[in-house]
Amino acid sequence: MNKKTFYFIFTFLLFFILLNCFSSFTFAWGDPEIVTKINSAFESIEGWIIKLATPAAAVAVGSGVFMKKFSFGDEEKIRIGKKIIKGSLFSYAFILAIDLILSAIKSLIA
């Protein structure tokens, strides 16, 4: 084995051992403080979105129902009212599905 190959293998093994040591240290230390702050910020934002989405969907469905109810036979207003109802229910279901998916991912990671 020549000198060049020996140095290459020695450098590779040294790098691999150091990388392994540093990665085990970082697992023992836990998350850095900024990551914890960012995670808690995203969780609070998620909570606010869920809290705001429920009344917003209720108002949108209510306005769609009233638009249908007080259309007095105008087909355009009936169609727009149905669109508003479908769109708001779909949006609210999408927000709840995203929340469910994020909760499932959190339970798998933790």
Protein backbone atom coordinates (compact mmCIF):
# COMPACT_ATOMS: atom_id res chain seq x y z
CA MET A 1 0.00 0.00 0.00
CA ASN A 2 1.50 3.29 -1.02
CA LYS A 3 1.66 6.47 1.03
CA LYS A 4 -1.10 8.30 -0.82
CA THR A 5 -3.66 5.52 -0.28
CA PHE A 6 -2.72 5.24 3.38
CA TYR A 7 -3.26 8.97 3.97
CA PHE A 8 -6.58 8.86 2.14
CA ILE A 9 -7.87 5.93 4.22
CA PHE A 10 -6.53 7.45 7.44
CA THR A 11 -8.19 10.82 6.70
CA PHE A 12 -11.48 9.15 5.78
CA LEU A 13 -11.54 7.05 8.97
CA LEU A 14 -10.59 10.03 11.14
CA PHE A 15 -13.33 12.14 9.55
CA PHE A 16 -15.86 9.31 10.01
CA ILE A 17 -14.95 8.85 13.69
CA LEU A 18 -15.13 12.60 14.41
CA LEU A 19 -18.44 12.92 12.60
CA ASN A 20 -19.84 10.04 14.60
CA CYS A 21 -18.66 11.56 17.89
CA PHE A 22 -20.10 14.99 17.13
CA SER A 23 -23.44 13.59 16.01
CA SER A 24 -23.82 11.59 19.25
CA PHE A 25 -23.00 14.72 21.28
CA THR A 26 -25.64 16.76 19.49
CA PHE A 27 -28.25 14.11 20.18
CA ALA A 28 -27.39 14.25 23.87
CA TRP A 29 -27.66 18.04 24.02
CA GLY A 30 -31.19 18.22 22.60
CA ASP A 31 -32.68 20.96 20.48
CA PRO A 32 -31.05 24.38 20.43
CA GLU A 33 -32.99 27.21 22.04
CA ILE A 34 -33.88 28.91 18.76
CA VAL A 35 -35.41 25.71 17.38
CA THR A 36 -37.53 25.37 20.51
CA LYS A 37 -38.69 28.98 20.16
CA ILE A 38 -39.56 28.50 16.49
CA ASN A 39 -41.49 25.30 17.24
CA SER A 40 -43.49 27.00 19.98
CA ALA A 41 -44.17 29.98 17.70
CA PHE A 42 -45.50 27.71 14.96
CA GLU A 43 -47.68 25.86 17.47
CA SER A 44 -49.20 29.11 18.72
CA ILE A 45 -49.79 30.31 15.14
CA GLU A 46 -51.47 26.99 14.36
CA GLY A 47 -53.71 27.40 17.41
CA TRP A 48 -54.71 30.92 16.37
CA ILE A 49 -55.52 29.79 12.84
CA ILE A 50 -57.80 27.05 14.16
CA LYS A 51 -59.46 29.50 16.56
CA LEU A 52 -60.06 32.03 13.78
CA ALA A 53 -61.10 29.51 11.12
CA THR A 54 -64.15 28.23 13.00
CA PRO A 55 -66.03 31.54 13.32
CA ALA A 56 -64.91 32.61 9.85
CA ALA A 57 -66.37 29.44 8.34
CA ALA A 58 -69.58 29.93 10.32
CA VAL A 59 -69.93 33.51 9.07
CA ALA A 60 -69.24 32.46 5.48
CA VAL A 61 -71.77 29.61 5.61
CA GLY A 62 -74.31 31.92 7.25
CA SER A 63 -73.89 34.59 4.59
CA GLY A 64 -74.19 31.96 1.85
CA VAL A 65 -77.39 30.63 3.42
CA PHE A 66 -78.85 34.13 3.74
CA MET A 67 -77.86 34.91 0.16
CA LYS A 68 -79.71 31.80 -1.01
CA LYS A 69 -82.68 32.50 1.24
CA PHE A 70 -83.15 36.13 0.21
CA SER A 71 -82.40 35.72 -3.49
CA PHE A 72 -86.11 35.97 -4.36
CA GLY A 73 -85.72 33.55 -7.25
CA ASP A 74 -82.61 35.13 -8.80
CA GLU A 75 -80.61 32.16 -10.14
CA GLU A 76 -77.31 34.07 -10.06
CA LYS A 77 -77.59 34.82 -6.33
CA ILE A 78 -78.60 31.23 -5.58
CA ARG A 79 -75.57 29.93 -7.49
CA ILE A 80 -73.24 32.39 -5.72
CA GLY A 81 -74.71 31.42 -2.32
CA LYS A 82 -74.09 27.73 -3.04
CA LYS A 83 -70.53 28.53 -4.13
CA ILE A 84 -69.88 30.44 -0.92
CA ILE A 85 -71.21 27.58 1.21
CA LYS A 86 -69.20 24.91 -0.64
CA GLY A 87 -66.03 26.99 -0.65
CA SER A 88 -66.16 27.84 3.04
CA LEU A 89 -66.89 24.25 4.08
CA PHE A 90 -64.09 22.97 1.85
CA SER A 91 -61.65 25.52 3.25
CA TYR A 92 -62.56 24.72 6.84
CA ALA A 93 -62.24 20.97 6.17
CA PHE A 94 -58.84 21.61 4.56
CA ILE A 95 -57.62 23.53 7.61
CA LEU A 96 -58.80 20.75 9.94
CA ALA A 97 -57.16 18.10 7.74
CA ILE A 98 -53.86 19.99 7.81
CA ASP A 99 -54.10 20.16 11.61
CA LEU A 100 -54.77 16.42 11.75
CA ILE A 101 -51.83 15.63 9.47
CA LEU A 102 -49.46 17.84 11.48
CA SER A 103 -50.59 16.20 14.72
CA ALA A 104 -49.96 12.75 13.22
CA ILE A 105 -46.48 13.79 12.09
CA LYS A 106 -45.69 15.21 15.55
CA SER A 107 -46.77 11.96 17.23
CA LEU A 108 -44.57 9.94 14.86
CA ILE A 109 -41.52 12.15 15.44
CA ALA A 110 -41.83 12.38 19.23
